[in-house]
Amino acid sequence: MSFRTATRSTPSGSAAQSVRRVRSPGWHPHVVGIHDLIEGEARLWIVMELVDGPSLAHHIAKSGPLAPQHAAALGLQLLDALAAVHAAGALHRDVKPANVLLRRDGSAVLTDFGIAGAGRRRVPDDHRGTGRLP
């Protein structure tokens, strides 16, 4: 097991609510299993599955860029993971290579729900589309 702590950023505890939505261990093969949540002293402690492998950031720093096929496979796994997280009513808010762990078989696991947010936020119409910044 692995432990993670997050300072609560909102009085409503939206991080805890969001993590509870994706809590069931093993509910998705590319989302880290969350075993328990412990709240106390303005902190949220997340007890997670221990993934035996490096972060994607560490792997890239050590081995260099991924082969295009491997990058595409990991990207599809993470898109599937994010779709499941969003379907559960949560937002991750911090997807980056350091928050992706690689299992021994090379598959991706989305981790670090410490700053996740609950619910879906409406994206303004002028912010939709690809390749556009607000």
N, C-alpha and C. Protein backbone atom coordinates (compact mmCIF):
# COMPACT_ATOMS: atom_id res chain seq x y z
N MET A 1 0.82 -1.17 0.00
CA MET A 1 0.00 0.00 0.00
C MET A 1 0.87 1.24 0.00
N SER A 2 0.32 2.28 -0.50
CA SER A 2 0.99 3.57 -0.57
C SER A 2 0.10 4.61 0.08
N PHE A 3 0.71 5.61 0.70
CA PHE A 3 -0.05 6.68 1.33
C PHE A 3 0.25 7.98 0.62
N ARG A 4 -0.74 8.83 0.52
CA ARG A 4 -0.60 10.15 -0.09
C ARG A 4 -1.37 11.11 0.79
N THR A 5 -0.86 12.30 0.98
CA THR A 5 -1.59 13.31 1.74
C THR A 5 -1.81 14.54 0.88
N ALA A 6 -2.93 15.17 1.09
CA ALA A 6 -3.25 16.41 0.37
C ALA A 6 -3.84 17.39 1.36
N THR A 7 -3.34 18.61 1.36
CA THR A 7 -3.94 19.64 2.19
C THR A 7 -5.27 20.02 1.56
N ARG A 8 -6.28 20.04 2.36
CA ARG A 8 -7.61 20.36 1.84
C ARG A 8 -7.60 21.80 1.36
N SER A 9 -8.01 21.98 0.11
CA SER A 9 -7.96 23.32 -0.47
C SER A 9 -9.30 24.04 -0.41
N THR A 10 -10.36 23.31 -0.13
CA THR A 10 -11.66 23.96 -0.05
C THR A 10 -12.38 23.49 1.19
N PRO A 11 -13.17 24.33 1.81
CA PRO A 11 -13.87 23.92 3.01
C PRO A 11 -14.87 22.81 2.76
N SER A 12 -15.33 22.64 1.53
CA SER A 12 -16.34 21.63 1.24
C SER A 12 -15.75 20.23 1.17
N GLY A 13 -14.42 20.12 1.11
CA GLY A 13 -13.81 18.81 1.02
C GLY A 13 -14.02 18.17 -0.34
N SER A 14 -14.03 18.98 -1.41
CA SER A 14 -14.31 18.44 -2.74
C SER A 14 -13.29 17.40 -3.15
N ALA A 15 -12.05 17.50 -2.68
CA ALA A 15 -11.06 16.48 -3.02
C ALA A 15 -11.48 15.13 -2.45
N ALA A 16 -11.94 15.10 -1.22
CA ALA A 16 -12.38 13.84 -0.61
C ALA A 16 -13.59 13.29 -1.35
N GLN A 17 -14.54 14.14 -1.69
CA GLN A 17 -15.73 13.69 -2.42
C GLN A 17 -15.33 13.09 -3.76
N SER A 18 -14.42 13.75 -4.44
CA SER A 18 -14.00 13.29 -5.75
C SER A 18 -13.27 11.95 -5.67
N VAL A 19 -12.37 11.82 -4.71
CA VAL A 19 -11.63 10.57 -4.56
C VAL A 19 -12.57 9.44 -4.19
N ARG A 20 -13.57 9.71 -3.37
CA ARG A 20 -14.54 8.67 -3.01
C ARG A 20 -15.26 8.11 -4.24
N ARG A 21 -15.45 8.95 -5.24
CA ARG A 21 -16.14 8.51 -6.45
C ARG A 21 -15.36 7.45 -7.21
N VAL A 22 -14.05 7.47 -7.10
CA VAL A 22 -13.21 6.51 -7.83
C VAL A 22 -12.50 5.56 -6.86
N ARG A 23 -13.10 5.35 -5.71
CA ARG A 23 -12.43 4.67 -4.62
C ARG A 23 -12.28 3.16 -4.76
N SER A 24 -13.17 2.48 -5.36
CA SER A 24 -13.17 1.03 -5.37
C SER A 24 -11.90 0.47 -6.01
N PRO A 25 -11.09 -0.27 -5.24
CA PRO A 25 -9.85 -0.83 -5.80
C PRO A 25 -10.16 -1.75 -6.99
N GLY A 26 -9.39 -1.59 -8.04
CA GLY A 26 -9.54 -2.45 -9.20
C GLY A 26 -10.72 -2.14 -10.10
N TRP A 27 -11.40 -1.02 -9.88
CA TRP A 27 -12.57 -0.70 -10.70
C TRP A 27 -12.19 -0.35 -12.13
N HIS A 28 -10.96 0.08 -12.34
CA HIS A 28 -10.47 0.34 -13.69
C HIS A 28 -8.99 -0.03 -13.76
N PRO A 29 -8.56 -0.75 -14.78
CA PRO A 29 -7.17 -1.23 -14.83
C PRO A 29 -6.13 -0.13 -14.95
N HIS A 30 -6.51 1.07 -15.36
CA HIS A 30 -5.54 2.14 -15.55
C HIS A 30 -5.74 3.31 -14.58
N VAL A 31 -6.47 3.07 -13.50
CA VAL A 31 -6.64 4.04 -12.42
C VAL A 31 -6.18 3.37 -11.13
N VAL A 32 -5.32 4.04 -10.39
CA VAL A 32 -4.79 3.45 -9.16
C VAL A 32 -5.94 3.07 -8.22
N GLY A 33 -5.80 1.91 -7.59
CA GLY A 33 -6.80 1.48 -6.61
C GLY A 33 -6.70 2.31 -5.34
N ILE A 34 -7.82 2.79 -4.85
CA ILE A 34 -7.85 3.58 -3.62
C ILE A 34 -8.56 2.74 -2.57
N HIS A 35 -7.82 2.40 -1.51
CA HIS A 35 -8.34 1.52 -0.47
C HIS A 35 -9.09 2.24 0.63
N ASP A 36 -8.64 3.44 0.99
CA ASP A 36 -9.27 4.14 2.11
C ASP A 36 -8.94 5.62 2.04
N LEU A 37 -9.77 6.40 2.70
CA LEU A 37 -9.55 7.84 2.87
C LEU A 37 -9.62 8.14 4.35
N ILE A 38 -8.68 8.92 4.82
CA ILE A 38 -8.66 9.32 6.22
C ILE A 38 -8.58 10.84 6.25
N GLU A 39 -9.56 11.46 6.90
CA GLU A 39 -9.58 12.91 6.99
C GLU A 39 -9.28 13.33 8.42
N GLY A 40 -8.38 14.30 8.57
CA GLY A 40 -8.07 14.82 9.88
C GLY A 40 -7.08 15.95 9.81
N GLU A 41 -7.23 16.89 10.73
CA GLU A 41 -6.31 18.02 10.84
C GLU A 41 -6.12 18.74 9.50
N ALA A 42 -7.22 19.00 8.81
CA ALA A 42 -7.23 19.73 7.53
C ALA A 42 -6.42 19.01 6.45
N ARG A 43 -6.30 17.70 6.57
CA ARG A 43 -5.59 16.92 5.56
C ARG A 43 -6.44 15.73 5.15
N LEU A 44 -6.25 15.32 3.93
CA LEU A 44 -6.88 14.12 3.41
C LEU A 44 -5.77 13.12 3.13
N TRP A 45 -5.81 11.97 3.80
CA TRP A 45 -4.83 10.90 3.58
C TRP A 45 -5.48 9.88 2.68
N ILE A 46 -4.82 9.55 1.58
CA ILE A 46 -5.35 8.60 0.62
C ILE A 46 -4.50 7.33 0.68
N VAL A 47 -5.12 6.20 0.99
CA VAL A 47 -4.41 4.92 1.05
C VAL A 47 -4.64 4.24 -0.30
N MET A 48 -3.57 4.13 -1.08
CA MET A 48 -3.67 3.64 -2.45
C MET A 48 -2.96 2.31 -2.64
N GLU A 49 -3.31 1.70 -3.73
CA GLU A 49 -2.62 0.51 -4.23
C GLU A 49 -1.14 0.87 -4.43
N LEU A 50 -0.26 -0.06 -4.12
CA LEU A 50 1.16 0.14 -4.39
C LEU A 50 1.44 -0.38 -5.79
N VAL A 51 1.83 0.51 -6.68
CA VAL A 51 2.16 0.13 -8.06
C VAL A 51 3.67 -0.04 -8.12
N ASP A 52 4.11 -1.25 -8.44
CA ASP A 52 5.53 -1.58 -8.48
C ASP A 52 6.11 -1.18 -9.83
N GLY A 53 6.48 0.08 -9.94
CA GLY A 53 7.05 0.57 -11.18
C GLY A 53 7.34 2.05 -11.08
N PRO A 54 8.12 2.56 -12.04
CA PRO A 54 8.50 3.97 -12.02
C PRO A 54 7.39 4.86 -12.56
N SER A 55 7.52 6.14 -12.33
CA SER A 55 6.62 7.09 -12.97
C SER A 55 7.02 7.21 -14.44
N LEU A 56 6.10 7.65 -15.25
CA LEU A 56 6.41 7.88 -16.65
C LEU A 56 7.50 8.95 -16.78
N ALA A 57 7.45 9.96 -15.92
CA ALA A 57 8.48 11.01 -15.94
C ALA A 57 9.86 10.42 -15.68
N HIS A 58 9.97 9.54 -14.68
CA HIS A 58 11.26 8.92 -14.37
C HIS A 58 11.72 8.04 -15.53
N HIS A 59 10.81 7.28 -16.10
CA HIS A 59 11.16 6.40 -17.21
C HIS A 59 11.70 7.20 -18.39
N ILE A 60 11.03 8.30 -18.72
CA ILE A 60 11.48 9.14 -19.84
C ILE A 60 12.83 9.79 -19.53
N ALA A 61 13.01 10.27 -18.30
CA ALA A 61 14.29 10.89 -17.91
C ALA A 61 15.43 9.88 -18.00
N LYS A 62 15.15 8.64 -17.64
CA LYS A 62 16.19 7.61 -17.61
C LYS A 62 16.45 7.01 -19.00
N SER A 63 15.37 6.77 -19.76
CA SER A 63 15.49 6.02 -21.02
C SER A 63 15.29 6.84 -22.28
N GLY A 64 14.87 8.09 -22.14
CA GLY A 64 14.63 8.92 -23.31
C GLY A 64 13.21 8.79 -23.80
N PRO A 65 12.92 9.44 -24.92
CA PRO A 65 11.55 9.46 -25.45
C PRO A 65 11.02 8.04 -25.72
N LEU A 66 9.72 7.90 -25.61
CA LEU A 66 9.07 6.63 -25.90
C LEU A 66 8.98 6.42 -27.41
N ALA A 67 8.96 5.16 -27.81
CA ALA A 67 8.68 4.84 -29.21
C ALA A 67 7.26 5.31 -29.52
N PRO A 68 6.99 5.77 -30.73
CA PRO A 68 5.64 6.26 -31.05
C PRO A 68 4.53 5.27 -30.72
N GLN A 69 4.74 4.00 -30.97
CA GLN A 69 3.71 2.99 -30.70
C GLN A 69 3.45 2.88 -29.19
N HIS A 70 4.50 2.94 -28.38
CA HIS A 70 4.35 2.86 -26.93
C HIS A 70 3.66 4.11 -26.40
N ALA A 71 4.05 5.26 -26.90
CA ALA A 71 3.41 6.52 -26.49
C ALA A 71 1.92 6.49 -26.83
N ALA A 72 1.58 6.00 -28.01
CA ALA A 72 0.18 5.93 -28.42
C ALA A 72 -0.60 4.96 -27.54
N ALA A 73 -0.01 3.81 -27.22
CA ALA A 73 -0.68 2.82 -26.36
C ALA A 73 -0.94 3.41 -24.97
N LEU A 74 0.06 4.09 -24.40
CA LEU A 74 -0.11 4.70 -23.08
C LEU A 74 -1.16 5.81 -23.15
N GLY A 75 -1.14 6.60 -24.21
CA GLY A 75 -2.12 7.66 -24.37
C GLY A 75 -3.54 7.12 -24.41
N LEU A 76 -3.76 6.03 -25.12
CA LEU A 76 -5.09 5.43 -25.17
C LEU A 76 -5.52 4.89 -23.81
N GLN A 77 -4.57 4.30 -23.07
CA GLN A 77 -4.88 3.80 -21.73
C GLN A 77 -5.28 4.94 -20.81
N LEU A 78 -4.57 6.05 -20.90
CA LEU A 78 -4.87 7.20 -20.04
C LEU A 78 -6.18 7.88 -20.45
N LEU A 79 -6.46 7.92 -21.74
CA LEU A 79 -7.76 8.47 -22.17
C LEU A 79 -8.90 7.62 -21.64
N ASP A 80 -8.73 6.30 -21.66
CA ASP A 80 -9.74 5.40 -21.13
C ASP A 80 -9.90 5.61 -19.62
N ALA A 81 -8.78 5.77 -18.92
CA ALA A 81 -8.82 6.01 -17.48
C ALA A 81 -9.54 7.33 -17.17
N LEU A 82 -9.22 8.38 -17.90
CA LEU A 82 -9.86 9.68 -17.67
C LEU A 82 -11.33 9.64 -17.99
N ALA A 83 -11.71 8.92 -19.03
CA ALA A 83 -13.13 8.78 -19.35
C ALA A 83 -13.87 8.12 -18.19
N ALA A 84 -13.27 7.10 -17.59
CA ALA A 84 -13.90 6.41 -16.45
C ALA A 84 -13.99 7.33 -15.24
N VAL A 85 -12.93 8.09 -14.98
CA VAL A 85 -12.92 9.02 -13.85
C VAL A 85 -13.99 10.09 -14.05
N HIS A 86 -14.08 10.63 -15.26
CA HIS A 86 -15.09 11.66 -15.54
C HIS A 86 -16.49 11.08 -15.46
N ALA A 87 -16.68 9.85 -15.94
CA ALA A 87 -18.00 9.20 -15.86
C ALA A 87 -18.42 9.00 -14.41
N ALA A 88 -17.44 8.85 -13.51
CA ALA A 88 -17.74 8.70 -12.08
C ALA A 88 -18.01 10.05 -11.43
N GLY A 89 -17.90 11.14 -12.20
CA GLY A 89 -18.20 12.47 -11.66
C GLY A 89 -17.02 13.17 -11.03
N ALA A 90 -15.82 12.74 -11.35
CA ALA A 90 -14.62 13.35 -10.77
C ALA A 90 -13.77 13.97 -11.88
N LEU A 91 -12.94 14.93 -11.49
CA LEU A 91 -11.96 15.54 -12.37
C LEU A 91 -10.59 15.32 -11.74
N HIS A 92 -9.60 14.90 -12.52
CA HIS A 92 -8.28 14.65 -11.97
C HIS A 92 -7.52 15.94 -11.70
N ARG A 93 -7.46 16.84 -12.64
CA ARG A 93 -6.86 18.18 -12.55
C ARG A 93 -5.34 18.24 -12.54
N ASP A 94 -4.64 17.12 -12.63
CA ASP A 94 -3.18 17.20 -12.58
C ASP A 94 -2.54 16.05 -13.35
N VAL A 95 -3.01 15.83 -14.57
CA VAL A 95 -2.45 14.74 -15.38
C VAL A 95 -1.12 15.21 -15.96
N LYS A 96 -0.06 14.49 -15.63
CA LYS A 96 1.28 14.77 -16.12
C LYS A 96 2.11 13.50 -15.96
N PRO A 97 3.25 13.39 -16.63
CA PRO A 97 4.04 12.16 -16.56
C PRO A 97 4.42 11.73 -15.14
N ALA A 98 4.60 12.67 -14.23
CA ALA A 98 4.94 12.30 -12.85
C ALA A 98 3.78 11.63 -12.14
N ASN A 99 2.55 11.81 -12.63
CA ASN A 99 1.37 11.22 -12.00
C ASN A 99 0.85 9.99 -12.75
N VAL A 100 1.70 9.45 -13.60
CA VAL A 100 1.41 8.20 -14.30
C VAL A 100 2.48 7.21 -13.91
N LEU A 101 2.06 6.09 -13.33
CA LEU A 101 3.01 5.03 -12.99
C LEU A 101 2.94 3.95 -14.04
N LEU A 102 4.06 3.26 -14.23
CA LEU A 102 4.12 2.17 -15.19
C LEU A 102 4.24 0.85 -14.45
N ARG A 103 3.30 -0.05 -14.70
CA ARG A 103 3.36 -1.38 -14.11
C ARG A 103 4.50 -2.16 -14.75
N ARG A 104 4.84 -3.29 -14.15
CA ARG A 104 5.92 -4.11 -14.71
C ARG A 104 5.64 -4.55 -16.13
N ASP A 105 4.35 -4.70 -16.49
CA ASP A 105 4.00 -5.10 -17.86
C ASP A 105 4.01 -3.91 -18.82
N GLY A 106 4.35 -2.71 -18.31
CA GLY A 106 4.44 -1.52 -19.15
C GLY A 106 3.16 -0.72 -19.27
N SER A 107 2.07 -1.20 -18.69
CA SER A 107 0.80 -0.47 -18.80
C SER A 107 0.79 0.73 -17.84
N ALA A 108 -0.02 1.71 -18.17
CA ALA A 108 -0.10 2.96 -17.43
C ALA A 108 -1.14 2.89 -16.33
N VAL A 109 -0.84 3.59 -15.22
CA VAL A 109 -1.78 3.72 -14.10
C VAL A 109 -1.83 5.19 -13.70
N LEU A 110 -3.01 5.78 -13.81
CA LEU A 110 -3.21 7.18 -13.42
C LEU A 110 -3.28 7.25 -11.89
N THR A 111 -2.46 8.12 -11.30
CA THR A 111 -2.38 8.24 -9.85
C THR A 111 -2.54 9.69 -9.43
N ASP A 112 -2.40 9.91 -8.14
CA ASP A 112 -2.35 11.24 -7.53
C ASP A 112 -3.64 12.03 -7.71
N PHE A 113 -4.65 11.61 -6.95
CA PHE A 113 -5.93 12.30 -6.96
C PHE A 113 -6.01 13.34 -5.86
N GLY A 114 -4.86 13.78 -5.35
CA GLY A 114 -4.83 14.71 -4.23
C GLY A 114 -5.47 16.05 -4.48
N ILE A 115 -5.49 16.51 -5.73
CA ILE A 115 -6.12 17.81 -6.00
C ILE A 115 -7.34 17.64 -6.90
N ALA A 116 -7.85 16.43 -6.96
CA ALA A 116 -9.02 16.16 -7.80
C ALA A 116 -10.19 17.01 -7.36
N GLY A 117 -11.08 17.26 -8.29
CA GLY A 117 -12.26 18.05 -7.98
C GLY A 117 -13.52 17.24 -8.25
N ALA A 118 -14.54 17.55 -7.50
CA ALA A 118 -15.81 16.84 -7.66
C ALA A 118 -16.66 17.51 -8.73
N GLY A 119 -17.43 16.72 -9.39
CA GLY A 119 -18.41 17.24 -10.34
C GLY A 119 -17.81 17.69 -11.64
N ARG A 120 -18.68 17.98 -12.55
CA ARG A 120 -18.26 18.44 -13.86
C ARG A 120 -18.41 19.95 -13.93
N ARG A 121 -17.39 20.57 -14.40
CA ARG A 121 -17.48 22.01 -14.62
C ARG A 121 -17.84 22.25 -16.07
N ARG A 122 -18.71 23.19 -16.29
CA ARG A 122 -19.08 23.52 -17.67
C ARG A 122 -17.92 24.29 -18.29
N VAL A 123 -17.54 23.86 -19.48
CA VAL A 123 -16.49 24.54 -20.22
C VAL A 123 -17.15 25.58 -21.11
N PRO A 124 -16.75 26.85 -20.99
CA PRO A 124 -17.36 27.88 -21.83
C PRO A 124 -17.20 27.53 -23.31
N ASP A 125 -18.20 27.89 -24.11
CA ASP A 125 -18.19 27.56 -25.54
C ASP A 125 -16.94 28.07 -26.24
N ASP A 126 -16.44 29.23 -25.83
CA ASP A 126 -15.26 29.78 -26.50
C ASP A 126 -13.97 29.06 -26.10
N HIS A 127 -14.04 28.08 -25.19
CA HIS A 127 -12.85 27.33 -24.78
C HIS A 127 -12.88 25.91 -25.34
N ARG A 128 -13.85 25.58 -26.15
CA ARG A 128 -13.97 24.23 -26.68
C ARG A 128 -13.23 24.14 -28.01
N GLY A 129 -12.82 22.95 -28.35
CA GLY A 129 -12.13 22.72 -29.60
C GLY A 129 -10.70 22.32 -29.34
N THR A 130 -10.01 21.95 -30.37
CA THR A 130 -8.63 21.52 -30.21
C THR A 130 -7.69 22.63 -30.64
N GLY A 131 -6.57 22.70 -29.98
CA GLY A 131 -5.54 23.63 -30.36
C GLY A 131 -5.80 25.08 -30.04
N ARG A 132 -6.81 25.33 -29.20
CA ARG A 132 -7.12 26.72 -28.84
C ARG A 132 -6.88 26.94 -27.35
N LEU A 133 -6.30 28.04 -27.03
CA LEU A 133 -6.10 28.41 -25.63
C LEU A 133 -7.07 29.52 -25.27
N PRO A 134 -7.50 29.56 -24.00
CA PRO A 134 -8.42 30.63 -23.59
C PRO A 134 -7.76 31.99 -23.68
